[in-house]
Amino acid sequence: MSRFVLDTNIILYFLGGRLADPFPSGSYAISVISELELLAYPGLSSPEEQRVRAFVEDISVTDLTQSVKLHAVDLRKRFGLKLPDAIVAATALALEATLLTNDQRLLVLSDVPTQMLRVKP
């Protein structure tokens, strides 16, 4: 079974009903960084926050394990990523998963398996 880590932008598109492509078949996880980014999203209304919390409760959230930390430091040093992006990408590496993202800086990483999903206009 394929494994996927969802980047924050993909989760926001999903929760907003903007994904044109369905999620590929497999199992899913998110980084603790995405959980924090979602819950701290500026201007989140109460119903939106409830939807985010329900989503987070239904998915596996990966904490900062030693493996994630080591991969994040390596990715940040080699590719100059912002720390949150490095941690999200490192989560995919640590879980041996494909990162679903529409972030152009992450899609071009040679060491991280990535996949983009189309968004409705």
PDB file of N, CA and C in Angstrom:
ATOM      1  N   MET A   1       0.846  -1.189   0.000  1.00  0.00           N
ATOM      2  CA  MET A   1       0.000   0.000   0.000  1.00  0.00           C
ATOM      3  C   MET A   1       0.887   1.246   0.000  1.00  0.00           C
ATOM      4  N   SER A   2       0.521   2.216  -0.811  1.00  0.00           N
ATOM      5  CA  SER A   2       1.276   3.461  -0.884  1.00  0.00           C
ATOM      6  C   SER A   2       1.030   4.301   0.360  1.00  0.00           C
ATOM      7  N   ARG A   3       2.080   5.034   0.740  1.00  0.00           N
ATOM      8  CA  ARG A   3       1.986   5.924   1.904  1.00  0.00           C
ATOM      9  C   ARG A   3       2.198   7.351   1.426  1.00  0.00           C
ATOM     10  N   PHE A   4       1.442   8.267   2.025  1.00  0.00           N
ATOM     11  CA  PHE A   4       1.518   9.669   1.637  1.00  0.00           C
ATOM     12  C   PHE A   4       1.556  10.564   2.872  1.00  0.00           C
ATOM     13  N   VAL A   5       2.308  11.660   2.746  1.00  0.00           N
ATOM     14  CA  VAL A   5       2.280  12.736   3.729  1.00  0.00           C
ATOM     15  C   VAL A   5       1.663  13.937   3.022  1.00  0.00           C
ATOM     16  N   LEU A   6       0.666  14.538   3.653  1.00  0.00           N
ATOM     17  CA  LEU A   6      -0.020  15.690   3.079  1.00  0.00           C
ATOM     18  C   LEU A   6       0.642  16.976   3.553  1.00  0.00           C
ATOM     19  N   ASP A   7       1.040  17.825   2.599  1.00  0.00           N
ATOM     20  CA  ASP A   7       1.569  19.141   2.944  1.00  0.00           C
ATOM     21  C   ASP A   7       0.392  20.047   3.335  1.00  0.00           C
ATOM     22  N   THR A   8       0.676  21.086   4.063  1.00  0.00           N
ATOM     23  CA  THR A   8      -0.370  21.985   4.562  1.00  0.00           C
ATOM     24  C   THR A   8      -1.213  22.557   3.425  1.00  0.00           C
ATOM     25  N   ASN A   9      -0.590  22.930   2.300  1.00  0.00           N
ATOM     26  CA  ASN A   9      -1.362  23.530   1.208  1.00  0.00           C
ATOM     27  C   ASN A   9      -2.376  22.547   0.631  1.00  0.00           C
ATOM     28  N   ILE A  10      -2.017  21.282   0.544  1.00  0.00           N
ATOM     29  CA  ILE A  10      -2.944  20.262   0.038  1.00  0.00           C
ATOM     30  C   ILE A  10      -4.122  20.089   1.000  1.00  0.00           C
ATOM     31  N   ILE A  11      -3.834  20.122   2.295  1.00  0.00           N
ATOM     32  CA  ILE A  11      -4.905  19.988   3.296  1.00  0.00           C
ATOM     33  C   ILE A  11      -5.866  21.170   3.182  1.00  0.00           C
ATOM     34  N   LEU A  12      -5.338  22.379   3.016  1.00  0.00           N
ATOM     35  CA  LEU A  12      -6.188  23.560   2.882  1.00  0.00           C
ATOM     36  C   LEU A  12      -7.053  23.480   1.622  1.00  0.00           C
ATOM     37  N   TYR A  13      -6.473  23.019   0.514  1.00  0.00           N
ATOM     38  CA  TYR A  13      -7.256  22.844  -0.714  1.00  0.00           C
ATOM     39  C   TYR A  13      -8.352  21.797  -0.488  1.00  0.00           C
ATOM     40  N   PHE A  14      -7.998  20.701   0.174  1.00  0.00           N
ATOM     41  CA  PHE A  14      -8.959  19.634   0.446  1.00  0.00           C
ATOM     42  C   PHE A  14     -10.112  20.148   1.313  1.00  0.00           C
ATOM     43  N   LEU A  15      -9.768  20.790   2.422  1.00  0.00           N
ATOM     44  CA  LEU A  15     -10.797  21.278   3.345  1.00  0.00           C
ATOM     45  C   LEU A  15     -11.663  22.363   2.702  1.00  0.00           C
ATOM     46  N   GLY A  16     -11.094  23.099   1.761  1.00  0.00           N
ATOM     47  CA  GLY A  16     -11.833  24.149   1.062  1.00  0.00           C
ATOM     48  C   GLY A  16     -12.581  23.650  -0.159  1.00  0.00           C
ATOM     49  N   GLY A  17     -12.533  22.330  -0.417  1.00  0.00           N
ATOM     50  CA  GLY A  17     -13.231  21.761  -1.565  1.00  0.00           C
ATOM     51  C   GLY A  17     -12.649  22.179  -2.902  1.00  0.00           C
ATOM     52  N   ARG A  18     -11.355  22.501  -2.927  1.00  0.00           N
ATOM     53  CA  ARG A  18     -10.733  23.027  -4.149  1.00  0.00           C
ATOM     54  C   ARG A  18      -9.892  22.013  -4.920  1.00  0.00           C
ATOM     55  N   LEU A  19      -9.737  20.788  -4.415  1.00  0.00           N
ATOM     56  CA  LEU A  19      -8.943  19.794  -5.147  1.00  0.00           C
ATOM     57  C   LEU A  19      -9.721  19.279  -6.354  1.00  0.00           C
ATOM     58  N   ALA A  20      -9.084  19.302  -7.513  1.00  0.00           N
ATOM     59  CA  ALA A  20      -9.689  18.759  -8.731  1.00  0.00           C
ATOM     60  C   ALA A  20      -9.387  17.262  -8.851  1.00  0.00           C
ATOM     61  N   ASP A  21      -8.298  16.828  -8.232  1.00  0.00           N
ATOM     62  CA  ASP A  21      -7.906  15.415  -8.252  1.00  0.00           C
ATOM     63  C   ASP A  21      -8.267  14.777  -6.917  1.00  0.00           C
ATOM     64  N   PRO A  22      -8.718  13.515  -6.939  1.00  0.00           N
ATOM     65  CA  PRO A  22      -8.927  12.815  -5.667  1.00  0.00           C
ATOM     66  C   PRO A  22      -7.576  12.429  -5.072  1.00  0.00           C
ATOM     67  N   PHE A  23      -7.570  12.170  -3.777  1.00  0.00           N
ATOM     68  CA  PHE A  23      -6.354  11.642  -3.166  1.00  0.00           C
ATOM     69  C   PHE A  23      -6.058  10.276  -3.763  1.00  0.00           C
ATOM     70  N   PRO A  24      -4.788   9.963  -4.029  1.00  0.00           N
ATOM     71  CA  PRO A  24      -4.452   8.624  -4.497  1.00  0.00           C
ATOM     72  C   PRO A  24      -4.763   7.594  -3.400  1.00  0.00           C
ATOM     73  N   SER A  25      -4.930   6.371  -3.820  1.00  0.00           N
ATOM     74  CA  SER A  25      -5.232   5.290  -2.875  1.00  0.00           C
ATOM     75  C   SER A  25      -4.011   5.015  -2.006  1.00  0.00           C
ATOM     76  N   GLY A  26      -4.214   4.895  -0.698  1.00  0.00           N
ATOM     77  CA  GLY A  26      -3.107   4.604   0.205  1.00  0.00           C
ATOM     78  C   GLY A  26      -3.414   5.057   1.617  1.00  0.00           C
ATOM     79  N   SER A  27      -2.369   5.106   2.444  1.00  0.00           N
ATOM     80  CA  SER A  27      -2.514   5.574   3.823  1.00  0.00           C
ATOM     81  C   SER A  27      -1.897   6.969   3.922  1.00  0.00           C
ATOM     82  N   TYR A  28      -2.402   7.743   4.891  1.00  0.00           N
ATOM     83  CA  TYR A  28      -2.035   9.149   4.981  1.00  0.00           C
ATOM     84  C   TYR A  28      -1.560   9.535   6.363  1.00  0.00           C
ATOM     85  N   ALA A  29      -0.650  10.514   6.378  1.00  0.00           N
ATOM     86  CA  ALA A  29      -0.161  11.095   7.622  1.00  0.00           C
ATOM     87  C   ALA A  29       0.114  12.569   7.341  1.00  0.00           C
ATOM     88  N   ILE A  30       0.245  13.334   8.422  1.00  0.00           N
ATOM     89  CA  ILE A  30       0.683  14.724   8.312  1.00  0.00           C
ATOM     90  C   ILE A  30       1.777  14.950   9.348  1.00  0.00           C
ATOM     91  N   SER A  31       2.554  15.988   9.130  1.00  0.00           N
ATOM     92  CA  SER A  31       3.575  16.397  10.093  1.00  0.00           C
ATOM     93  C   SER A  31       2.913  17.204  11.199  1.00  0.00           C
ATOM     94  N   VAL A  32       3.503  17.144  12.379  1.00  0.00           N
ATOM     95  CA  VAL A  32       3.044  17.993  13.482  1.00  0.00           C
ATOM     96  C   VAL A  32       3.119  19.469  13.064  1.00  0.00           C
ATOM     97  N   ILE A  33       4.022  19.804  12.169  1.00  0.00           N
ATOM     98  CA  ILE A  33       4.138  21.178  11.663  1.00  0.00           C
ATOM     99  C   ILE A  33       2.864  21.576  10.924  1.00  0.00           C
ATOM    100  N   SER A  34       2.340  20.690  10.081  1.00  0.00           N
ATOM    101  CA  SER A  34       1.089  20.986   9.375  1.00  0.00           C
ATOM    102  C   SER A  34      -0.062  21.147  10.351  1.00  0.00           C
ATOM    103  N   GLU A  35      -0.100  20.307  11.384  1.00  0.00           N
ATOM    104  CA  GLU A  35      -1.139  20.442  12.407  1.00  0.00           C
ATOM    105  C   GLU A  35      -1.089  21.846  13.017  1.00  0.00           C
ATOM    106  N   LEU A  36       0.109  22.299  13.382  1.00  0.00           N
ATOM    107  CA  LEU A  36       0.264  23.619  13.993  1.00  0.00           C
ATOM    108  C   LEU A  36      -0.076  24.735  13.009  1.00  0.00           C
ATOM    109  N   GLU A  37       0.380  24.599  11.757  1.00  0.00           N
ATOM    110  CA  GLU A  37       0.084  25.624  10.751  1.00  0.00           C
ATOM    111  C   GLU A  37      -1.419  25.739  10.514  1.00  0.00           C
ATOM    112  N   LEU A  38      -2.112  24.606  10.469  1.00  0.00           N
ATOM    113  CA  LEU A  38      -3.554  24.616  10.247  1.00  0.00           C
ATOM    114  C   LEU A  38      -4.293  25.284  11.403  1.00  0.00           C
ATOM    115  N   LEU A  39      -3.944  24.906  12.621  1.00  0.00           N
ATOM    116  CA  LEU A  39      -4.644  25.443  13.787  1.00  0.00           C
ATOM    117  C   LEU A  39      -4.332  26.913  14.030  1.00  0.00           C
ATOM    118  N   ALA A  40      -3.171  27.379  13.563  1.00  0.00           N
ATOM    119  CA  ALA A  40      -2.772  28.772  13.741  1.00  0.00           C
ATOM    120  C   ALA A  40      -3.066  29.621  12.499  1.00  0.00           C
ATOM    121  N   TYR A  41      -3.786  29.047  11.538  1.00  0.00           N
ATOM    122  CA  TYR A  41      -4.060  29.761  10.284  1.00  0.00           C
ATOM    123  C   TYR A  41      -4.806  31.063  10.575  1.00  0.00           C
ATOM    124  N   PRO A  42      -4.311  32.197  10.041  1.00  0.00           N
ATOM    125  CA  PRO A  42      -4.921  33.503  10.342  1.00  0.00           C
ATOM    126  C   PRO A  42      -6.369  33.582   9.853  1.00  0.00           C
ATOM    127  N   GLY A  43      -7.220  34.162  10.664  1.00  0.00           N
ATOM    128  CA  GLY A  43      -8.597  34.415  10.262  1.00  0.00           C
ATOM    129  C   GLY A  43      -9.494  33.198  10.204  1.00  0.00           C
ATOM    130  N   LEU A  44      -9.101  32.118  10.844  1.00  0.00           N
ATOM    131  CA  LEU A  44      -9.893  30.892  10.835  1.00  0.00           C
ATOM    132  C   LEU A  44     -11.185  31.120  11.625  1.00  0.00           C
ATOM    133  N   SER A  45     -12.325  30.897  10.967  1.00  0.00           N
ATOM    134  CA  SER A  45     -13.602  31.048  11.667  1.00  0.00           C
ATOM    135  C   SER A  45     -13.805  29.850  12.593  1.00  0.00           C
ATOM    136  N   SER A  46     -14.756  29.944  13.492  1.00  0.00           N
ATOM    137  CA  SER A  46     -15.026  28.851  14.423  1.00  0.00           C
ATOM    138  C   SER A  46     -15.431  27.560  13.691  1.00  0.00           C
ATOM    139  N   PRO A  47     -16.336  27.621  12.698  1.00  0.00           N
ATOM    140  CA  PRO A  47     -16.667  26.389  11.964  1.00  0.00           C
ATOM    141  C   PRO A  47     -15.455  25.814  11.211  1.00  0.00           C
ATOM    142  N   GLU A  48     -14.621  26.696  10.643  1.00  0.00           N
ATOM    143  CA  GLU A  48     -13.421  26.222   9.943  1.00  0.00           C
ATOM    144  C   GLU A  48     -12.458  25.551  10.920  1.00  0.00           C
ATOM    145  N   GLU A  49     -12.301  26.140  12.101  1.00  0.00           N
ATOM    146  CA  GLU A  49     -11.416  25.545  13.097  1.00  0.00           C
ATOM    147  C   GLU A  49     -11.941  24.171  13.520  1.00  0.00           C
ATOM    148  N   GLN A  50     -13.247  24.038  13.685  1.00  0.00           N
ATOM    149  CA  GLN A  50     -13.832  22.741  14.040  1.00  0.00           C
ATOM    150  C   GLN A  50     -13.556  21.716  12.953  1.00  0.00           C
ATOM    151  N   ARG A  51     -13.655  22.135  11.694  1.00  0.00           N
ATOM    152  CA  ARG A  51     -13.381  21.222  10.567  1.00  0.00           C
ATOM    153  C   ARG A  51     -11.913  20.789  10.572  1.00  0.00           C
ATOM    154  N   VAL A  52     -11.007  21.739  10.820  1.00  0.00           N
ATOM    155  CA  VAL A  52      -9.574  21.428  10.897  1.00  0.00           C
ATOM    156  C   VAL A  52      -9.316  20.450  12.038  1.00  0.00           C
ATOM    157  N   ARG A  53      -9.888  20.719  13.202  1.00  0.00           N
ATOM    158  CA  ARG A  53      -9.681  19.825  14.352  1.00  0.00           C
ATOM    159  C   ARG A  53     -10.206  18.412  14.072  1.00  0.00           C
ATOM    160  N   ALA A  54     -11.356  18.310  13.423  1.00  0.00           N
ATOM    161  CA  ALA A  54     -11.917  16.998  13.076  1.00  0.00           C
ATOM    162  C   ALA A  54     -10.984  16.271  12.094  1.00  0.00           C
ATOM    163  N   PHE A  55     -10.445  17.016  11.124  1.00  0.00           N
ATOM    164  CA  PHE A  55      -9.519  16.424  10.158  1.00  0.00           C
ATOM    165  C   PHE A  55      -8.276  15.889  10.866  1.00  0.00           C
ATOM    166  N   VAL A  56      -7.703  16.708  11.748  1.00  0.00           N
ATOM    167  CA  VAL A  56      -6.480  16.328  12.461  1.00  0.00           C
ATOM    168  C   VAL A  56      -6.719  15.101  13.356  1.00  0.00           C
ATOM    169  N   GLU A  57      -7.902  15.031  13.953  1.00  0.00           N
ATOM    170  CA  GLU A  57      -8.222  13.883  14.812  1.00  0.00           C
ATOM    171  C   GLU A  57      -8.327  12.585  14.015  1.00  0.00           C
ATOM    172  N   ASP A  58      -8.672  12.687  12.718  1.00  0.00           N
ATOM    173  CA  ASP A  58      -8.896  11.500  11.887  1.00  0.00           C
ATOM    174  C   ASP A  58      -7.667  11.056  11.096  1.00  0.00           C
ATOM    175  N   ILE A  59      -6.541  11.720  11.277  1.00  0.00           N
ATOM    176  CA  ILE A  59      -5.350  11.368  10.490  1.00  0.00           C
ATOM    177  C   ILE A  59      -4.166  11.166  11.423  1.00  0.00           C
ATOM    178  N   SER A  60      -3.223  10.377  10.986  1.00  0.00           N
ATOM    179  CA  SER A  60      -2.021  10.131  11.778  1.00  0.00           C
ATOM    180  C   SER A  60      -1.119  11.373  11.734  1.00  0.00           C
ATOM    181  N   VAL A  61      -0.789  11.897  12.916  1.00  0.00           N
ATOM    182  CA  VAL A  61       0.092  13.062  13.020  1.00  0.00           C
ATOM    183  C   VAL A  61       1.458  12.575  13.486  1.00  0.00           C
ATOM    184  N   THR A  62       2.489  12.872  12.701  1.00  0.00           N
ATOM    185  CA  THR A  62       3.841  12.422  13.007  1.00  0.00           C
ATOM    186  C   THR A  62       4.592  13.512  13.759  1.00  0.00           C
ATOM    187  N   ASP A  63       5.046  13.188  14.954  1.00  0.00           N
ATOM    188  CA  ASP A  63       5.802  14.135  15.766  1.00  0.00           C
ATOM    189  C   ASP A  63       7.249  14.238  15.279  1.00  0.00           C
ATOM    190  N   LEU A  64       8.024  15.063  15.955  1.00  0.00           N
ATOM    191  CA  LEU A  64       9.434  15.259  15.600  1.00  0.00           C
ATOM    192  C   LEU A  64      10.279  14.107  16.148  1.00  0.00           C
ATOM    193  N   THR A  65      10.285  13.006  15.422  1.00  0.00           N
ATOM    194  CA  THR A  65      11.114  11.862  15.812  1.00  0.00           C
ATOM    195  C   THR A  65      12.575  12.173  15.486  1.00  0.00           C
ATOM    196  N   GLN A  66      13.466  11.351  15.979  1.00  0.00           N
ATOM    197  CA  GLN A  66      14.888  11.544  15.682  1.00  0.00           C
ATOM    198  C   GLN A  66      15.143  11.464  14.181  1.00  0.00           C
ATOM    199  N   SER A  67      14.477  10.539  13.503  1.00  0.00           N
ATOM    200  CA  SER A  67      14.636  10.392  12.057  1.00  0.00           C
ATOM    201  C   SER A  67      14.169  11.651  11.325  1.00  0.00           C
ATOM    202  N   VAL A  68      13.025  12.189  11.717  1.00  0.00           N
ATOM    203  CA  VAL A  68      12.520  13.422  11.092  1.00  0.00           C
ATOM    204  C   VAL A  68      13.513  14.557  11.313  1.00  0.00           C
ATOM    205  N   LYS A  69      14.034  14.683  12.524  1.00  0.00           N
ATOM    206  CA  LYS A  69      14.993  15.749  12.828  1.00  0.00           C
ATOM    207  C   LYS A  69      16.240  15.649  11.959  1.00  0.00           C
ATOM    208  N   LEU A  70      16.787  14.447  11.844  1.00  0.00           N
ATOM    209  CA  LEU A  70      18.011  14.270  11.044  1.00  0.00           C
ATOM    210  C   LEU A  70      17.772  14.603   9.579  1.00  0.00           C
ATOM    211  N   HIS A  71      16.663  14.122   9.033  1.00  0.00           N
ATOM    212  CA  HIS A  71      16.328  14.430   7.635  1.00  0.00           C
ATOM    213  C   HIS A  71      16.088  15.930   7.453  1.00  0.00           C
ATOM    214  N   ALA A  72      15.415  16.570   8.416  1.00  0.00           N
ATOM    215  CA  ALA A  72      15.113  17.999   8.307  1.00  0.00           C
ATOM    216  C   ALA A  72      16.384  18.842   8.291  1.00  0.00           C
ATOM    217  N   VAL A  73      17.320  18.523   9.157  1.00  0.00           N
ATOM    218  CA  VAL A  73      18.590  19.258   9.198  1.00  0.00           C
ATOM    219  C   VAL A  73      19.319  19.098   7.864  1.00  0.00           C
ATOM    220  N   ASP A  74      19.357  17.875   7.347  1.00  0.00           N
ATOM    221  CA  ASP A  74      20.023  17.608   6.077  1.00  0.00           C
ATOM    222  C   ASP A  74      19.354  18.378   4.929  1.00  0.00           C
ATOM    223  N   LEU A  75      18.023  18.330   4.851  1.00  0.00           N
ATOM    224  CA  LEU A  75      17.316  19.022   3.766  1.00  0.00           C
ATOM    225  C   LEU A  75      17.491  20.537   3.860  1.00  0.00           C
ATOM    226  N   ARG A  76      17.452  21.057   5.072  1.00  0.00           N
ATOM    227  CA  ARG A  76      17.614  22.518   5.249  1.00  0.00           C
ATOM    228  C   ARG A  76      19.010  22.958   4.813  1.00  0.00           C
ATOM    229  N   LYS A  77      20.026  22.189   5.209  1.00  0.00           N
ATOM    230  CA  LYS A  77      21.403  22.540   4.849  1.00  0.00           C
ATOM    231  C   LYS A  77      21.635  22.426   3.343  1.00  0.00           C
ATOM    232  N   ARG A  78      21.139  21.348   2.744  1.00  0.00           N
ATOM    233  CA  ARG A  78      21.439  21.109   1.329  1.00  0.00           C
ATOM    234  C   ARG A  78      20.589  21.924   0.369  1.00  0.00           C
ATOM    235  N   PHE A  79      19.335  22.202   0.741  1.00  0.00           N
ATOM    236  CA  PHE A  79      18.430  22.866  -0.199  1.00  0.00           C
ATOM    237  C   PHE A  79      17.978  24.251   0.257  1.00  0.00           C
ATOM    238  N   GLY A  80      18.408  24.690   1.450  1.00  0.00           N
ATOM    239  CA  GLY A  80      18.061  26.022   1.936  1.00  0.00           C
ATOM    240  C   GLY A  80      16.581  26.213   2.213  1.00  0.00           C
ATOM    241  N   LEU A  81      15.896  25.133   2.562  1.00  0.00           N
ATOM    242  CA  LEU A  81      14.463  25.221   2.849  1.00  0.00           C
ATOM    243  C   LEU A  81      14.205  25.944   4.161  1.00  0.00           C
ATOM    244  N   LYS A  82      13.020  26.560   4.251  1.00  0.00           N
ATOM    245  CA  LYS A  82      12.581  27.088   5.536  1.00  0.00           C
ATOM    246  C   LYS A  82      12.382  25.885   6.452  1.00  0.00           C
ATOM    247  N   LEU A  83      12.610  26.071   7.740  1.00  0.00           N
ATOM    248  CA  LEU A  83      12.540  24.957   8.678  1.00  0.00           C
ATOM    249  C   LEU A  83      11.202  24.207   8.637  1.00  0.00           C
ATOM    250  N   PRO A  84      10.043  24.898   8.613  1.00  0.00           N
ATOM    251  CA  PRO A  84       8.782  24.138   8.546  1.00  0.00           C
ATOM    252  C   PRO A  84       8.690  23.253   7.293  1.00  0.00           C
ATOM    253  N   ASP A  85       9.115  23.785   6.142  1.00  0.00           N
ATOM    254  CA  ASP A  85       9.093  22.983   4.909  1.00  0.00           C
ATOM    255  C   ASP A  85      10.046  21.801   5.008  1.00  0.00           C
ATOM    256  N   ALA A  86      11.213  22.029   5.586  1.00  0.00           N
ATOM    257  CA  ALA A  86      12.187  20.945   5.752  1.00  0.00           C
ATOM    258  C   ALA A  86      11.618  19.845   6.644  1.00  0.00           C
ATOM    259  N   ILE A  87      10.888  20.212   7.691  1.00  0.00           N
ATOM    260  CA  ILE A  87      10.320  19.216   8.604  1.00  0.00           C
ATOM    261  C   ILE A  87       9.211  18.425   7.911  1.00  0.00           C
ATOM    262  N   VAL A  88       8.361  19.095   7.139  1.00  0.00           N
ATOM    263  CA  VAL A  88       7.290  18.392   6.421  1.00  0.00           C
ATOM    264  C   VAL A  88       7.891  17.408   5.412  1.00  0.00           C
ATOM    265  N   ALA A  89       8.870  17.860   4.637  1.00  0.00           N
ATOM    266  CA  ALA A  89       9.517  16.976   3.667  1.00  0.00           C
ATOM    267  C   ALA A  89      10.250  15.836   4.373  1.00  0.00           C
ATOM    268  N   ALA A  90      10.886  16.142   5.484  1.00  0.00           N
ATOM    269  CA  ALA A  90      11.603  15.124   6.253  1.00  0.00           C
ATOM    270  C   ALA A  90      10.645  14.077   6.805  1.00  0.00           C
ATOM    271  N   THR A  91       9.437  14.480   7.136  1.00  0.00           N
ATOM    272  CA  THR A  91       8.430  13.532   7.618  1.00  0.00           C
ATOM    273  C   THR A  91       8.140  12.495   6.542  1.00  0.00           C
ATOM    274  N   ALA A  92       8.014  12.947   5.299  1.00  0.00           N
ATOM    275  CA  ALA A  92       7.788  12.009   4.187  1.00  0.00           C
ATOM    276  C   ALA A  92       8.965  11.043   4.059  1.00  0.00           C
ATOM    277  N   LEU A  93      10.188  11.564   4.151  1.00  0.00           N
ATOM    278  CA  LEU A  93      11.358  10.687   4.058  1.00  0.00           C
ATOM    279  C   LEU A  93      11.392   9.680   5.202  1.00  0.00           C
ATOM    280  N   ALA A  94      11.131  10.141   6.421  1.00  0.00           N
ATOM    281  CA  ALA A  94      11.179   9.266   7.589  1.00  0.00           C
ATOM    282  C   ALA A  94      10.132   8.157   7.505  1.00  0.00           C
ATOM    283  N   LEU A  95       8.983   8.460   6.902  1.00  0.00           N
ATOM    284  CA  LEU A  95       7.907   7.476   6.781  1.00  0.00           C
ATOM    285  C   LEU A  95       7.978   6.677   5.479  1.00  0.00           C
ATOM    286  N   GLU A  96       9.011   6.972   4.681  1.00  0.00           N
ATOM    287  CA  GLU A  96       9.154   6.345   3.358  1.00  0.00           C
ATOM    288  C   GLU A  96       7.867   6.526   2.557  1.00  0.00           C
ATOM    289  N   ALA A  97       7.414   7.775   2.520  1.00  0.00           N
ATOM    290  CA  ALA A  97       6.148   8.128   1.888  1.00  0.00           C
ATOM    291  C   ALA A  97       6.374   9.170   0.794  1.00  0.00           C
ATOM    292  N   THR A  98       5.362   9.345  -0.043  1.00  0.00           N
ATOM    293  CA  THR A  98       5.360  10.395  -1.053  1.00  0.00           C
ATOM    294  C   THR A  98       4.717  11.633  -0.456  1.00  0.00           C
ATOM    295  N   LEU A  99       5.337  12.779  -0.667  1.00  0.00           N
ATOM    296  CA  LEU A  99       4.800  14.042  -0.177  1.00  0.00           C
ATOM    297  C   LEU A  99       3.834  14.605  -1.213  1.00  0.00           C
ATOM    298  N   LEU A 100       2.563  14.769  -0.829  1.00  0.00           N
ATOM    299  CA  LEU A 100       1.586  15.423  -1.696  1.00  0.00           C
ATOM    300  C   LEU A 100       1.651  16.914  -1.393  1.00  0.00           C
ATOM    301  N   THR A 101       2.076  17.700  -2.380  1.00  0.00           N
ATOM    302  CA  THR A 101       2.267  19.137  -2.184  1.00  0.00           C
ATOM    303  C   THR A 101       2.096  19.874  -3.494  1.00  0.00           C
ATOM    304  N   ASN A 102       1.725  21.126  -3.412  1.00  0.00           N
ATOM    305  CA  ASN A 102       1.733  21.997  -4.582  1.00  0.00           C
ATOM    306  C   ASN A 102       2.761  23.110  -4.412  1.00  0.00           C
ATOM    307  N   ASP A 103       3.631  22.966  -3.424  1.00  0.00           N
ATOM    308  CA  ASP A 103       4.699  23.930  -3.169  1.00  0.00           C
ATOM    309  C   ASP A 103       5.839  23.672  -4.158  1.00  0.00           C
ATOM    310  N   GLN A 104       6.073  24.634  -5.050  1.00  0.00           N
ATOM    311  CA  GLN A 104       7.080  24.464  -6.096  1.00  0.00           C
ATOM    312  C   GLN A 104       8.478  24.191  -5.535  1.00  0.00           C
ATOM    313  N   ARG A 105       8.804  24.764  -4.377  1.00  0.00           N
ATOM    314  CA  ARG A 105      10.135  24.545  -3.785  1.00  0.00           C
ATOM    315  C   ARG A 105      10.298  23.094  -3.334  1.00  0.00           C
ATOM    316  N   LEU A 106       9.206  22.459  -2.942  1.00  0.00           N
ATOM    317  CA  LEU A 106       9.283  21.070  -2.491  1.00  0.00           C
ATOM    318  C   LEU A 106       9.171  20.087  -3.659  1.00  0.00           C
ATOM    319  N   LEU A 107       8.417  20.447  -4.684  1.00  0.00           N
ATOM    320  CA  LEU A 107       8.235  19.550  -5.831  1.00  0.00           C
ATOM    321  C   LEU A 107       9.540  19.280  -6.572  1.00  0.00           C
ATOM    322  N   VAL A 108      10.498  20.186  -6.483  1.00  0.00           N
ATOM    323  CA  VAL A 108      11.754  20.018  -7.222  1.00  0.00           C
ATOM    324  C   VAL A 108      12.848  19.325  -6.417  1.00  0.00           C
ATOM    325  N   LEU A 109      12.558  18.949  -5.176  1.00  0.00           N
ATOM    326  CA  LEU A 109      13.580  18.282  -4.361  1.00  0.00           C
ATOM    327  C   LEU A 109      13.898  16.919  -4.955  1.00  0.00           C
ATOM    328  N   SER A 110      15.158  16.707  -5.258  1.00  0.00           N
ATOM    329  CA  SER A 110      15.553  15.457  -5.898  1.00  0.00           C
ATOM    330  C   SER A 110      15.489  14.267  -4.946  1.00  0.00           C
ATOM    331  N   ASP A 111      15.607  14.497  -3.660  1.00  0.00           N
ATOM    332  CA  ASP A 111      15.689  13.398  -2.701  1.00  0.00           C
ATOM    333  C   ASP A 111      14.352  12.995  -2.089  1.00  0.00           C
ATOM    334  N   VAL A 112      13.307  13.769  -2.352  1.00  0.00           N
ATOM    335  CA  VAL A 112      12.014  13.527  -1.712  1.00  0.00           C
ATOM    336  C   VAL A 112      10.986  13.157  -2.785  1.00  0.00           C
ATOM    337  N   PRO A 113      10.378  11.967  -2.676  1.00  0.00           N
ATOM    338  CA  PRO A 113       9.316  11.629  -3.642  1.00  0.00           C
ATOM    339  C   PRO A 113       8.122  12.579  -3.420  1.00  0.00           C
ATOM    340  N   THR A 114       7.708  13.265  -4.478  1.00  0.00           N
ATOM    341  CA  THR A 114       6.613  14.232  -4.369  1.00  0.00           C
ATOM    342  C   THR A 114       5.582  13.979  -5.456  1.00  0.00           C
ATOM    343  N   GLN A 115       4.385  14.475  -5.216  1.00  0.00           N
ATOM    344  CA  GLN A 115       3.319  14.420  -6.210  1.00  0.00           C
ATOM    345  C   GLN A 115       2.449  15.649  -6.009  1.00  0.00           C
ATOM    346  N   MET A 116       2.053  16.247  -7.133  1.00  0.00           N
ATOM    347  CA  MET A 116       1.197  17.431  -7.110  1.00  0.00           C
ATOM    348  C   MET A 116      -0.234  17.003  -7.388  1.00  0.00           C
ATOM    349  N   LEU A 117      -1.211  17.734  -6.853  1.00  0.00           N
ATOM    350  CA  LEU A 117      -2.610  17.500  -7.160  1.00  0.00           C
ATOM    351  C   LEU A 117      -3.196  18.766  -7.790  1.00  0.00           C
ATOM    352  N   ARG A 118      -4.022  18.580  -8.813  1.00  0.00           N
ATOM    353  CA  ARG A 118      -4.624  19.734  -9.486  1.00  0.00           C
ATOM    354  C   ARG A 118      -5.659  20.403  -8.583  1.00  0.00           C
ATOM    355  N   VAL A 119      -5.735  21.734  -8.722  1.00  0.00           N
ATOM    356  CA  VAL A 119      -6.661  22.544  -7.931  1.00  0.00           C
ATOM    357  C   VAL A 119      -7.669  23.178  -8.885  1.00  0.00           C
ATOM    358  N   LYS A 120      -8.916  23.251  -8.448  1.00  0.00           N
ATOM    359  CA  LYS A 120      -9.962  23.901  -9.240  1.00  0.00           C
ATOM    360  C   LYS A 120      -9.663  25.394  -9.336  1.00  0.00           C
ATOM    361  N   PRO A 121      -9.970  25.998 -10.498  1.00  0.00           N
ATOM    362  CA  PRO A 121      -9.720  27.443 -10.652  1.00  0.00           C
ATOM    363  C   PRO A 121     -10.593  28.276  -9.740  1.00  0.00           C
TER     364      PRO A 121
END
